[in-house]
Amino acid sequence: MKNILGRKVGMTSVFTDDGRYVPVTVIAAGPCTVVERRSKETHGYEAVALAFGEVKKSRVNRAMSGHYKKAGAEPRRWTREFRNDIEGVEAGQTITVSEFEAGDRVDVVGISKGHGFAGGIKRHNFRGGGASHGSMIHRQPASNGDTNAGRTVKGSRRPGHYGVDRTTHQNLEIVRTDAERNLLLVRGPVPGPKNSLVLESRTTKQKAAR
């Protein structure tokens, strides 16, 4: 099963075996406990629920405490479901980074960093107006379209809330795994701030061989 939960640690750079110097994101992944196996007969779909992260028992509500007690597992901070690549996985199993190896391709899901209320230049990469004196329009948006429409057209790019969205980076390469320290080194950026939850699973979009 190549699905696992992890915590984003940060970024660094490493040398690969073939001499490449590549930027990587360090993810502390697992060990994760399979707390439930959902079946099509009982729940209407096939999935497994993975739990990850240390948490105080006082921070877990009664409903989740009963859920973990039924599964015979210790309460965890996060629980997420996976529906793909779950053949042969049963409740009570432990998933570690040993399921992955260097060269594997994964899709990584996280919550992007929040930027608060942002303008068009920061949020949508607008060009901006002239920078000289008297321009009057430097970073503010210019024409917003038809002034006779009497409404805002859907899809208009305006200033607004930026970030804190569920973001997926597809087809990232695993450069190295460290089973002793439960680490995955993934080439490239991973969404979210440090210490945030990230989900790694086998990619659904394989890049063409070069």
N, C-alpha and C. Protein backbone atom coordinates (compact mmCIF):
# COMPACT_ATOMS: atom_id res chain seq x y z
N MET A 1 0.85 -1.20 0.00
CA MET A 1 0.00 0.00 0.00
C MET A 1 0.88 1.24 0.00
N LYS A 2 0.83 2.00 -1.07
CA LYS A 2 1.65 3.20 -1.16
C LYS A 2 0.79 4.43 -0.90
N ASN A 3 0.24 4.48 0.31
CA ASN A 3 -0.49 5.63 0.84
C ASN A 3 0.01 5.85 2.26
N ILE A 4 0.26 7.10 2.62
CA ILE A 4 0.76 7.36 3.96
C ILE A 4 0.50 8.82 4.33
N LEU A 5 0.37 9.08 5.62
CA LEU A 5 0.25 10.43 6.13
C LEU A 5 1.59 10.89 6.68
N GLY A 6 1.85 12.18 6.60
CA GLY A 6 3.12 12.69 7.11
C GLY A 6 3.02 14.13 7.54
N ARG A 7 4.13 14.61 8.08
CA ARG A 7 4.24 16.00 8.54
C ARG A 7 5.39 16.67 7.81
N LYS A 8 5.09 17.81 7.21
CA LYS A 8 6.13 18.53 6.47
C LYS A 8 7.16 19.10 7.44
N VAL A 9 8.43 18.75 7.23
CA VAL A 9 9.51 19.20 8.10
C VAL A 9 10.17 20.45 7.55
N GLY A 10 10.44 20.48 6.26
CA GLY A 10 11.11 21.63 5.64
C GLY A 10 11.78 21.20 4.35
N MET A 11 12.65 22.09 3.83
CA MET A 11 13.33 21.80 2.57
C MET A 11 14.83 21.80 2.75
N THR A 12 15.51 21.03 1.88
CA THR A 12 16.96 20.99 1.85
C THR A 12 17.36 20.54 0.45
N SER A 13 18.63 20.28 0.25
CA SER A 13 19.13 19.78 -1.04
C SER A 13 20.06 18.60 -0.78
N VAL A 14 20.03 17.62 -1.67
CA VAL A 14 20.86 16.43 -1.51
C VAL A 14 21.48 16.05 -2.85
N PHE A 15 22.55 15.27 -2.78
CA PHE A 15 23.16 14.68 -3.96
C PHE A 15 22.57 13.30 -4.17
N THR A 16 22.16 12.99 -5.39
CA THR A 16 21.65 11.66 -5.71
C THR A 16 22.82 10.75 -6.07
N ASP A 17 22.51 9.46 -6.24
CA ASP A 17 23.56 8.49 -6.55
C ASP A 17 24.22 8.77 -7.90
N ASP A 18 23.48 9.38 -8.83
CA ASP A 18 24.05 9.67 -10.14
C ASP A 18 24.65 11.07 -10.22
N GLY A 19 24.84 11.72 -9.05
CA GLY A 19 25.55 13.00 -9.02
C GLY A 19 24.70 14.23 -9.16
N ARG A 20 23.39 14.11 -9.23
CA ARG A 20 22.53 15.28 -9.35
C ARG A 20 22.38 15.95 -7.99
N TYR A 21 22.32 17.28 -8.00
CA TYR A 21 22.10 18.07 -6.78
C TYR A 21 20.69 18.62 -6.86
N VAL A 22 19.77 18.05 -6.12
CA VAL A 22 18.35 18.36 -6.29
C VAL A 22 17.75 18.90 -5.00
N PRO A 23 16.81 19.84 -5.12
CA PRO A 23 16.09 20.33 -3.93
C PRO A 23 15.02 19.33 -3.53
N VAL A 24 14.89 19.08 -2.25
CA VAL A 24 13.91 18.12 -1.76
C VAL A 24 13.16 18.68 -0.57
N THR A 25 11.95 18.17 -0.38
CA THR A 25 11.17 18.46 0.82
C THR A 25 11.23 17.25 1.74
N VAL A 26 11.55 17.49 3.00
CA VAL A 26 11.64 16.41 3.98
C VAL A 26 10.28 16.23 4.64
N ILE A 27 9.77 15.00 4.60
CA ILE A 27 8.47 14.67 5.19
C ILE A 27 8.66 13.57 6.21
N ALA A 28 8.23 13.84 7.45
CA ALA A 28 8.22 12.81 8.49
C ALA A 28 6.94 12.01 8.31
N ALA A 29 7.04 10.85 7.66
CA ALA A 29 5.87 10.08 7.27
C ALA A 29 5.74 8.82 8.13
N GLY A 30 4.55 8.66 8.74
CA GLY A 30 4.27 7.46 9.51
C GLY A 30 5.09 7.40 10.79
N PRO A 31 5.02 6.26 11.46
CA PRO A 31 4.15 5.12 11.11
C PRO A 31 2.67 5.44 11.31
N CYS A 32 1.86 4.91 10.40
CA CYS A 32 0.41 5.13 10.44
C CYS A 32 -0.30 3.81 10.78
N THR A 33 -1.36 3.93 11.53
CA THR A 33 -2.15 2.76 11.92
C THR A 33 -3.43 2.72 11.10
N VAL A 34 -3.74 1.54 10.57
CA VAL A 34 -5.01 1.35 9.86
C VAL A 34 -6.09 1.14 10.92
N VAL A 35 -6.93 2.14 11.12
CA VAL A 35 -7.93 2.07 12.18
C VAL A 35 -9.27 1.54 11.70
N GLU A 36 -9.48 1.48 10.39
CA GLU A 36 -10.75 0.96 9.89
C GLU A 36 -10.62 0.56 8.43
N ARG A 37 -11.27 -0.52 8.08
CA ARG A 37 -11.37 -0.94 6.69
C ARG A 37 -12.84 -0.84 6.28
N ARG A 38 -13.15 0.08 5.41
CA ARG A 38 -14.53 0.27 4.97
C ARG A 38 -14.80 -0.63 3.76
N SER A 39 -15.96 -1.26 3.76
CA SER A 39 -16.31 -2.20 2.70
C SER A 39 -17.54 -1.70 1.93
N LYS A 40 -17.65 -2.20 0.71
CA LYS A 40 -18.78 -1.78 -0.13
C LYS A 40 -20.09 -2.31 0.42
N GLU A 41 -20.06 -3.48 1.04
CA GLU A 41 -21.29 -4.06 1.56
C GLU A 41 -21.84 -3.25 2.74
N THR A 42 -20.94 -2.76 3.60
CA THR A 42 -21.37 -2.06 4.81
C THR A 42 -21.48 -0.56 4.62
N HIS A 43 -20.49 0.04 3.95
CA HIS A 43 -20.41 1.49 3.85
C HIS A 43 -20.73 2.04 2.46
N GLY A 44 -20.76 1.16 1.46
CA GLY A 44 -21.07 1.61 0.11
C GLY A 44 -19.84 1.91 -0.73
N TYR A 45 -18.64 1.81 -0.16
CA TYR A 45 -17.42 2.05 -0.92
C TYR A 45 -16.26 1.37 -0.21
N GLU A 46 -15.17 1.18 -0.95
CA GLU A 46 -13.98 0.54 -0.40
C GLU A 46 -12.97 1.62 -0.02
N ALA A 47 -12.45 1.56 1.20
CA ALA A 47 -11.46 2.52 1.66
C ALA A 47 -10.81 2.01 2.94
N VAL A 48 -9.65 2.60 3.25
CA VAL A 48 -9.00 2.35 4.54
C VAL A 48 -8.75 3.69 5.20
N ALA A 49 -8.86 3.72 6.53
CA ALA A 49 -8.64 4.95 7.30
C ALA A 49 -7.30 4.82 8.02
N LEU A 50 -6.40 5.77 7.74
CA LEU A 50 -5.09 5.80 8.39
C LEU A 50 -5.07 6.89 9.46
N ALA A 51 -4.43 6.59 10.58
CA ALA A 51 -4.30 7.55 11.68
C ALA A 51 -2.82 7.84 11.90
N PHE A 52 -2.52 9.12 12.21
CA PHE A 52 -1.12 9.54 12.33
C PHE A 52 -1.01 10.72 13.28
N GLY A 53 0.10 10.79 14.00
CA GLY A 53 0.41 11.95 14.82
C GLY A 53 0.07 11.75 16.29
N GLU A 54 1.00 12.15 17.15
CA GLU A 54 0.78 12.06 18.58
C GLU A 54 -0.20 13.14 19.04
N VAL A 55 -1.02 12.79 20.03
CA VAL A 55 -1.97 13.75 20.57
C VAL A 55 -2.30 13.35 22.01
N LYS A 56 -2.56 14.35 22.85
CA LYS A 56 -2.98 14.06 24.21
C LYS A 56 -4.40 13.49 24.21
N LYS A 57 -4.64 12.54 25.09
CA LYS A 57 -5.96 11.94 25.16
C LYS A 57 -7.02 12.97 25.53
N SER A 58 -6.62 14.00 26.28
CA SER A 58 -7.58 15.03 26.67
C SER A 58 -8.03 15.88 25.48
N ARG A 59 -7.28 15.82 24.38
CA ARG A 59 -7.64 16.60 23.19
C ARG A 59 -8.55 15.83 22.24
N VAL A 60 -8.86 14.58 22.57
CA VAL A 60 -9.70 13.76 21.70
C VAL A 60 -11.10 13.69 22.27
N ASN A 61 -12.11 14.00 21.46
CA ASN A 61 -13.48 13.98 21.95
C ASN A 61 -13.97 12.54 22.15
N ARG A 62 -15.12 12.40 22.79
CA ARG A 62 -15.61 11.07 23.16
C ARG A 62 -15.95 10.22 21.93
N ALA A 63 -16.46 10.86 20.91
CA ALA A 63 -16.83 10.11 19.71
C ALA A 63 -15.59 9.47 19.07
N MET A 64 -14.52 10.26 18.91
CA MET A 64 -13.30 9.73 18.31
C MET A 64 -12.60 8.75 19.24
N SER A 65 -12.70 8.98 20.56
CA SER A 65 -12.11 8.04 21.52
C SER A 65 -12.76 6.66 21.38
N GLY A 66 -14.09 6.65 21.25
CA GLY A 66 -14.78 5.38 21.06
C GLY A 66 -14.43 4.73 19.74
N HIS A 67 -14.20 5.55 18.71
CA HIS A 67 -13.82 5.03 17.40
C HIS A 67 -12.46 4.32 17.48
N TYR A 68 -11.50 4.94 18.15
CA TYR A 68 -10.18 4.33 18.29
C TYR A 68 -10.22 3.11 19.21
N LYS A 69 -11.05 3.19 20.26
CA LYS A 69 -11.16 2.07 21.18
C LYS A 69 -11.72 0.84 20.48
N LYS A 70 -12.70 1.04 19.61
CA LYS A 70 -13.27 -0.05 18.85
C LYS A 70 -12.23 -0.68 17.93
N ALA A 71 -11.35 0.15 17.40
CA ALA A 71 -10.30 -0.36 16.51
C ALA A 71 -9.12 -0.95 17.28
N GLY A 72 -9.09 -0.76 18.61
CA GLY A 72 -7.99 -1.27 19.40
C GLY A 72 -6.70 -0.52 19.18
N ALA A 73 -6.80 0.78 18.91
CA ALA A 73 -5.63 1.60 18.62
C ALA A 73 -5.61 2.83 19.52
N GLU A 74 -4.43 3.40 19.68
CA GLU A 74 -4.27 4.63 20.45
C GLU A 74 -4.79 5.82 19.64
N PRO A 75 -5.38 6.81 20.31
CA PRO A 75 -5.86 8.00 19.59
C PRO A 75 -4.71 8.72 18.88
N ARG A 76 -5.02 9.24 17.72
CA ARG A 76 -4.04 9.98 16.93
C ARG A 76 -4.59 11.35 16.56
N ARG A 77 -3.70 12.21 16.11
CA ARG A 77 -4.09 13.59 15.81
C ARG A 77 -4.90 13.70 14.52
N TRP A 78 -4.49 12.94 13.50
CA TRP A 78 -5.15 13.03 12.20
C TRP A 78 -5.64 11.67 11.76
N THR A 79 -6.77 11.65 11.06
CA THR A 79 -7.29 10.44 10.42
C THR A 79 -7.77 10.80 9.03
N ARG A 80 -7.29 10.06 8.03
CA ARG A 80 -7.70 10.31 6.65
C ARG A 80 -7.96 8.99 5.94
N GLU A 81 -8.85 9.03 4.94
CA GLU A 81 -9.19 7.83 4.18
C GLU A 81 -8.51 7.82 2.82
N PHE A 82 -8.17 6.61 2.36
CA PHE A 82 -7.63 6.40 1.03
C PHE A 82 -8.44 5.32 0.34
N ARG A 83 -8.71 5.51 -0.95
CA ARG A 83 -9.54 4.55 -1.69
C ARG A 83 -8.77 3.77 -2.73
N ASN A 84 -7.58 4.23 -3.08
CA ASN A 84 -6.81 3.56 -4.14
C ASN A 84 -5.64 2.78 -3.54
N ASP A 85 -5.31 1.69 -4.23
CA ASP A 85 -4.14 0.89 -3.85
C ASP A 85 -4.27 0.36 -2.41
N ILE A 86 -5.39 -0.27 -2.10
CA ILE A 86 -5.64 -0.73 -0.74
C ILE A 86 -5.87 -2.25 -0.67
N GLU A 87 -5.50 -2.97 -1.73
CA GLU A 87 -5.72 -4.41 -1.75
C GLU A 87 -4.90 -5.09 -0.64
N GLY A 88 -5.57 -5.96 0.11
CA GLY A 88 -4.89 -6.74 1.13
C GLY A 88 -4.62 -6.01 2.44
N VAL A 89 -5.08 -4.78 2.56
CA VAL A 89 -4.85 -4.00 3.78
C VAL A 89 -6.01 -4.22 4.74
N GLU A 90 -5.71 -4.54 5.98
CA GLU A 90 -6.74 -4.79 6.98
C GLU A 90 -6.52 -3.90 8.21
N ALA A 91 -7.57 -3.75 9.01
CA ALA A 91 -7.49 -2.95 10.23
C ALA A 91 -6.45 -3.52 11.18
N GLY A 92 -5.71 -2.63 11.81
CA GLY A 92 -4.68 -3.03 12.76
C GLY A 92 -3.28 -3.04 12.18
N GLN A 93 -3.16 -2.96 10.85
CA GLN A 93 -1.84 -2.94 10.23
C GLN A 93 -1.14 -1.60 10.49
N THR A 94 0.18 -1.63 10.37
CA THR A 94 0.99 -0.42 10.49
C THR A 94 1.65 -0.13 9.16
N ILE A 95 1.48 1.08 8.65
CA ILE A 95 2.05 1.49 7.37
C ILE A 95 3.25 2.39 7.65
N THR A 96 4.40 2.07 7.07
CA THR A 96 5.62 2.85 7.26
C THR A 96 6.20 3.26 5.91
N VAL A 97 7.28 4.03 5.96
CA VAL A 97 7.92 4.49 4.72
C VAL A 97 8.62 3.36 3.98
N SER A 98 8.72 2.20 4.61
CA SER A 98 9.35 1.05 3.93
C SER A 98 8.52 0.61 2.73
N GLU A 99 7.26 1.05 2.65
CA GLU A 99 6.42 0.73 1.50
C GLU A 99 6.89 1.49 0.25
N PHE A 100 7.66 2.56 0.45
CA PHE A 100 8.14 3.38 -0.66
C PHE A 100 9.63 3.13 -0.90
N GLU A 101 10.09 3.49 -2.08
CA GLU A 101 11.50 3.39 -2.40
C GLU A 101 11.90 4.50 -3.34
N ALA A 102 13.19 4.77 -3.41
CA ALA A 102 13.69 5.84 -4.28
C ALA A 102 13.29 5.59 -5.72
N GLY A 103 12.81 6.65 -6.38
CA GLY A 103 12.37 6.54 -7.76
C GLY A 103 10.87 6.45 -7.92
N ASP A 104 10.16 6.15 -6.81
CA ASP A 104 8.70 6.11 -6.89
C ASP A 104 8.15 7.51 -7.18
N ARG A 105 7.00 7.53 -7.83
CA ARG A 105 6.31 8.80 -8.12
C ARG A 105 5.05 8.88 -7.26
N VAL A 106 4.86 10.01 -6.61
CA VAL A 106 3.74 10.18 -5.69
C VAL A 106 3.01 11.49 -5.95
N ASP A 107 1.75 11.52 -5.55
CA ASP A 107 0.96 12.74 -5.50
C ASP A 107 0.91 13.19 -4.05
N VAL A 108 1.22 14.46 -3.79
CA VAL A 108 1.26 14.99 -2.42
C VAL A 108 0.17 16.04 -2.26
N VAL A 109 -0.64 15.87 -1.23
CA VAL A 109 -1.78 16.77 -0.97
C VAL A 109 -1.54 17.49 0.35
N GLY A 110 -1.77 18.79 0.35
CA GLY A 110 -1.65 19.58 1.57
C GLY A 110 -2.51 20.82 1.50
N ILE A 111 -2.55 21.57 2.58
CA ILE A 111 -3.28 22.84 2.63
C ILE A 111 -2.27 23.96 2.43
N SER A 112 -2.47 24.77 1.38
CA SER A 112 -1.51 25.80 1.03
C SER A 112 -1.41 26.87 2.12
N LYS A 113 -0.30 27.58 2.12
CA LYS A 113 -0.07 28.64 3.09
C LYS A 113 -1.09 29.77 2.90
N GLY A 114 -1.51 30.37 3.99
CA GLY A 114 -2.45 31.47 3.92
C GLY A 114 -1.74 32.80 3.72
N HIS A 115 -2.31 33.65 2.87
CA HIS A 115 -1.74 34.98 2.60
C HIS A 115 -2.72 36.09 2.96
N GLY A 116 -3.81 35.74 3.63
CA GLY A 116 -4.76 36.76 4.02
C GLY A 116 -5.51 37.33 2.83
N PHE A 117 -5.91 38.60 2.94
CA PHE A 117 -6.60 39.30 1.86
C PHE A 117 -5.54 39.92 0.96
N ALA A 118 -5.47 39.47 -0.29
CA ALA A 118 -4.40 39.90 -1.20
C ALA A 118 -4.99 40.59 -2.42
N GLY A 119 -4.21 41.46 -3.01
CA GLY A 119 -4.61 42.17 -4.21
C GLY A 119 -4.38 41.33 -5.46
N GLY A 120 -4.75 41.93 -6.61
CA GLY A 120 -4.67 41.20 -7.86
C GLY A 120 -3.25 40.85 -8.28
N ILE A 121 -2.28 41.71 -7.98
CA ILE A 121 -0.91 41.44 -8.38
C ILE A 121 -0.36 40.22 -7.66
N LYS A 122 -0.59 40.13 -6.38
CA LYS A 122 -0.09 38.99 -5.60
C LYS A 122 -0.93 37.74 -5.82
N ARG A 123 -2.23 37.92 -5.95
CA ARG A 123 -3.13 36.76 -6.02
C ARG A 123 -3.21 36.17 -7.42
N HIS A 124 -3.21 37.03 -8.46
CA HIS A 124 -3.41 36.56 -9.82
C HIS A 124 -2.27 36.95 -10.77
N ASN A 125 -1.19 37.46 -10.22
CA ASN A 125 -0.02 37.83 -11.04
C ASN A 125 -0.35 38.91 -12.08
N PHE A 126 -1.18 39.89 -11.71
CA PHE A 126 -1.45 41.01 -12.60
C PHE A 126 -0.16 41.82 -12.79
N ARG A 127 -0.11 42.52 -13.91
CA ARG A 127 1.10 43.27 -14.26
C ARG A 127 1.23 44.55 -13.45
N GLY A 128 0.14 45.22 -13.16
CA GLY A 128 0.21 46.49 -12.46
C GLY A 128 0.32 47.66 -13.42
N GLY A 129 0.06 48.83 -12.93
CA GLY A 129 0.11 50.02 -13.77
C GLY A 129 1.49 50.66 -13.81
N GLY A 130 1.55 51.86 -14.38
CA GLY A 130 2.82 52.56 -14.49
C GLY A 130 3.38 52.94 -13.13
N ALA A 131 4.70 53.01 -13.06
CA ALA A 131 5.35 53.29 -11.79
C ALA A 131 5.75 54.75 -11.64
N SER A 132 5.52 55.58 -12.67
CA SER A 132 5.96 56.96 -12.62
C SER A 132 4.94 57.82 -11.86
N HIS A 133 5.36 59.06 -11.55
CA HIS A 133 4.47 59.99 -10.85
C HIS A 133 3.27 60.34 -11.72
N GLY A 134 2.13 60.45 -11.09
CA GLY A 134 0.92 60.82 -11.81
C GLY A 134 0.17 59.66 -12.41
N SER A 135 0.70 58.44 -12.27
CA SER A 135 0.04 57.27 -12.86
C SER A 135 -1.31 57.02 -12.20
N MET A 136 -1.35 57.10 -10.89
CA MET A 136 -2.56 56.92 -10.09
C MET A 136 -3.00 55.45 -9.99
N ILE A 137 -2.47 54.61 -10.87
CA ILE A 137 -2.81 53.18 -10.82
C ILE A 137 -1.50 52.39 -10.77
N HIS A 138 -1.10 51.99 -9.60
CA HIS A 138 0.15 51.24 -9.45
C HIS A 138 -0.11 49.75 -9.22
N ARG A 139 -0.83 49.43 -8.14
CA ARG A 139 -1.10 48.03 -7.84
C ARG A 139 -2.60 47.69 -7.82
N GLN A 140 -3.42 48.66 -8.10
CA GLN A 140 -4.85 48.41 -8.06
C GLN A 140 -5.34 47.89 -9.41
N PRO A 141 -6.40 47.07 -9.42
CA PRO A 141 -6.90 46.57 -10.71
C PRO A 141 -7.51 47.69 -11.54
N ALA A 142 -7.44 47.54 -12.85
CA ALA A 142 -7.98 48.55 -13.76
C ALA A 142 -9.40 48.17 -14.16
N SER A 143 -9.68 48.11 -15.44
CA SER A 143 -11.04 47.83 -15.90
C SER A 143 -11.50 46.45 -15.43
N ASN A 144 -12.75 46.39 -14.99
CA ASN A 144 -13.32 45.13 -14.54
C ASN A 144 -14.33 44.57 -15.52
N GLY A 145 -14.31 45.02 -16.75
CA GLY A 145 -15.19 44.45 -17.77
C GLY A 145 -16.37 45.35 -18.08
N ASP A 146 -17.43 44.74 -18.56
CA ASP A 146 -18.61 45.45 -19.02
C ASP A 146 -19.27 46.21 -17.86
N THR A 147 -19.39 47.53 -18.02
CA THR A 147 -20.02 48.34 -16.97
C THR A 147 -21.53 48.36 -17.10
N ASN A 148 -22.06 47.76 -18.17
CA ASN A 148 -23.51 47.75 -18.39
C ASN A 148 -24.14 46.43 -17.97
N ALA A 149 -23.33 45.50 -17.48
CA ALA A 149 -23.87 44.19 -17.14
C ALA A 149 -24.73 44.24 -15.88
N GLY A 150 -24.41 45.14 -14.97
CA GLY A 150 -25.19 45.25 -13.75
C GLY A 150 -24.91 44.15 -12.75
N ARG A 151 -23.86 43.39 -12.95
CA ARG A 151 -23.51 42.30 -12.05
C ARG A 151 -22.03 41.97 -12.22
N THR A 152 -21.51 41.17 -11.33
CA THR A 152 -20.14 40.71 -11.44
C THR A 152 -20.12 39.37 -12.17
N VAL A 153 -19.39 39.29 -13.23
CA VAL A 153 -19.33 38.06 -14.03
C VAL A 153 -18.57 36.99 -13.25
N LYS A 154 -19.10 35.78 -13.27
CA LYS A 154 -18.44 34.69 -12.58
C LYS A 154 -17.05 34.44 -13.16
N GLY A 155 -16.11 34.15 -12.28
CA GLY A 155 -14.75 33.89 -12.73
C GLY A 155 -13.89 35.13 -12.82
N SER A 156 -14.44 36.29 -12.52
CA SER A 156 -13.64 37.52 -12.56
C SER A 156 -12.55 37.45 -11.50
N ARG A 157 -11.38 37.81 -11.89
CA ARG A 157 -10.25 37.75 -10.96
C ARG A 157 -10.16 39.08 -10.21
N ARG A 158 -10.43 39.03 -8.93
CA ARG A 158 -10.47 40.23 -8.10
C ARG A 158 -9.58 40.02 -6.87
N PRO A 159 -9.31 41.08 -6.14
CA PRO A 159 -8.67 40.91 -4.84
C PRO A 159 -9.55 40.08 -3.92
N GLY A 160 -8.95 39.33 -3.01
CA GLY A 160 -9.72 38.51 -2.10
C GLY A 160 -8.84 37.59 -1.29
N HIS A 161 -9.48 36.64 -0.64
CA HIS A 161 -8.77 35.69 0.23
C HIS A 161 -7.85 34.81 -0.61
N TYR A 162 -6.61 34.69 -0.17
CA TYR A 162 -5.59 33.98 -0.95
C TYR A 162 -4.93 32.92 -0.08
N GLY A 163 -4.98 31.68 -0.53
CA GLY A 163 -4.34 30.58 0.20
C GLY A 163 -5.32 29.78 1.02
N VAL A 164 -4.77 28.86 1.83
CA VAL A 164 -5.55 27.94 2.68
C VAL A 164 -6.50 27.13 1.80
N ASP A 165 -5.99 26.59 0.70
CA ASP A 165 -6.76 25.74 -0.20
C ASP A 165 -6.13 24.36 -0.25
N ARG A 166 -6.95 23.35 -0.43
CA ARG A 166 -6.43 22.00 -0.62
C ARG A 166 -5.71 21.95 -1.96
N THR A 167 -4.42 21.66 -1.92
CA THR A 167 -3.57 21.72 -3.11
C THR A 167 -2.89 20.37 -3.33
N THR A 168 -2.85 19.93 -4.58
CA THR A 168 -2.20 18.67 -4.93
C THR A 168 -1.07 18.93 -5.90
N HIS A 169 0.13 18.44 -5.57
CA HIS A 169 1.25 18.45 -6.50
C HIS A 169 1.43 17.02 -7.00
N GLN A 170 1.28 16.84 -8.30
CA GLN A 170 1.27 15.51 -8.87
C GLN A 170 2.64 15.08 -9.37
N ASN A 171 2.84 13.76 -9.33
CA ASN A 171 3.98 13.13 -9.99
C ASN A 171 5.33 13.62 -9.46
N LEU A 172 5.46 13.76 -8.14
CA LEU A 172 6.73 14.13 -7.55
C LEU A 172 7.58 12.89 -7.33
N GLU A 173 8.87 13.06 -7.44
CA GLU A 173 9.80 11.92 -7.34
C GLU A 173 10.31 11.77 -5.91
N ILE A 174 10.29 10.54 -5.40
CA ILE A 174 10.92 10.25 -4.12
C ILE A 174 12.41 10.02 -4.36
N VAL A 175 13.23 10.91 -3.81
CA VAL A 175 14.67 10.84 -4.02
C VAL A 175 15.32 9.85 -3.06
N ARG A 176 14.80 9.82 -1.82
CA ARG A 176 15.43 8.96 -0.82
C ARG A 176 14.41 8.65 0.28
N THR A 177 14.56 7.47 0.90
CA THR A 177 13.75 7.10 2.04
C THR A 177 14.67 6.74 3.21
N ASP A 178 14.21 7.01 4.42
CA ASP A 178 14.96 6.68 5.63
C ASP A 178 14.00 5.97 6.58
N ALA A 179 14.01 4.64 6.53
CA ALA A 179 13.08 3.85 7.34
C ALA A 179 13.37 3.97 8.83
N GLU A 180 14.64 4.17 9.19
CA GLU A 180 14.98 4.26 10.61
C GLU A 180 14.40 5.51 11.26
N ARG A 181 14.39 6.63 10.51
CA ARG A 181 13.88 7.89 11.05
C ARG A 181 12.52 8.26 10.48
N ASN A 182 11.92 7.37 9.70
CA ASN A 182 10.58 7.58 9.11
C ASN A 182 10.53 8.86 8.28
N LEU A 183 11.48 8.99 7.35
CA LEU A 183 11.56 10.19 6.52
C LEU A 183 11.41 9.84 5.05
N LEU A 184 10.72 10.72 4.34
CA LEU A 184 10.66 10.69 2.88
C LEU A 184 11.25 11.98 2.35
N LEU A 185 12.14 11.88 1.36
CA LEU A 185 12.72 13.05 0.70
C LEU A 185 12.13 13.12 -0.69
N VAL A 186 11.27 14.12 -0.90
CA VAL A 186 10.53 14.26 -2.15
C VAL A 186 11.10 15.43 -2.93
N ARG A 187 11.38 15.20 -4.19
CA ARG A 187 11.95 16.27 -5.01
C ARG A 187 10.90 17.32 -5.32
N GLY A 188 11.22 18.59 -5.00
CA GLY A 188 10.33 19.68 -5.33
C GLY A 188 9.55 20.19 -4.14
N PRO A 189 8.70 21.20 -4.38
CA PRO A 189 7.95 21.83 -3.30
C PRO A 189 6.73 21.01 -2.91
N VAL A 190 6.36 21.12 -1.64
CA VAL A 190 5.17 20.47 -1.10
C VAL A 190 4.29 21.55 -0.49
N PRO A 191 3.00 21.57 -0.78
CA PRO A 191 2.14 22.65 -0.26
C PRO A 191 2.04 22.64 1.25
N GLY A 192 1.87 23.84 1.81
CA GLY A 192 1.64 23.97 3.24
C GLY A 192 2.84 24.48 4.01
N PRO A 193 2.61 24.99 5.21
CA PRO A 193 3.71 25.45 6.07
C PRO A 193 4.38 24.27 6.76
N LYS A 194 5.44 24.57 7.49
CA LYS A 194 6.13 23.53 8.25
C LYS A 194 5.19 22.96 9.31
N ASN A 195 5.37 21.66 9.57
CA ASN A 195 4.60 20.91 10.57
C ASN A 195 3.15 20.68 10.17
N SER A 196 2.79 21.00 8.93
CA SER A 196 1.42 20.76 8.50
C SER A 196 1.27 19.33 7.99
N LEU A 197 0.03 18.86 7.96
CA LEU A 197 -0.26 17.50 7.50
C LEU A 197 -0.20 17.43 5.98
N VAL A 198 0.45 16.37 5.46
CA VAL A 198 0.48 16.12 4.02
C VAL A 198 0.14 14.65 3.78
N LEU A 199 -0.50 14.39 2.64
CA LEU A 199 -0.89 13.04 2.26
C LEU A 199 -0.09 12.63 1.04
N GLU A 200 0.54 11.46 1.10
CA GLU A 200 1.31 10.94 -0.04
C GLU A 200 0.68 9.65 -0.52
N SER A 201 0.52 9.54 -1.83
CA SER A 201 -0.04 8.33 -2.42
C SER A 201 0.56 8.12 -3.81
N ARG A 202 0.44 6.89 -4.30
CA ARG A 202 0.97 6.58 -5.63
C ARG A 202 0.34 7.50 -6.65
N THR A 203 1.17 8.03 -7.56
CA THR A 203 0.68 9.02 -8.50
C THR A 203 -0.33 8.43 -9.47
N THR A 204 -1.28 9.25 -9.89
CA THR A 204 -2.25 8.87 -10.90
C THR A 204 -1.91 9.49 -12.26
N LYS A 205 -0.76 10.16 -12.33
CA LYS A 205 -0.38 10.86 -13.55
C LYS A 205 1.10 10.63 -13.80
N GLN A 206 1.42 9.52 -14.40
CA GLN A 206 2.81 9.17 -14.62
C GLN A 206 3.41 10.02 -15.73
N LYS A 207 4.56 10.62 -15.43
CA LYS A 207 5.25 11.46 -16.40
C LYS A 207 5.89 10.58 -17.48
N ALA A 208 5.86 11.04 -18.72
CA ALA A 208 6.47 10.29 -19.82
C ALA A 208 7.98 10.20 -19.63
N ALA A 209 8.55 9.05 -19.95
CA ALA A 209 9.98 8.85 -19.79
C ALA A 209 10.76 9.76 -20.72
N ARG A 210 11.84 10.32 -20.21
CA ARG A 210 12.66 11.22 -21.02
C ARG A 210 13.76 10.43 -21.74
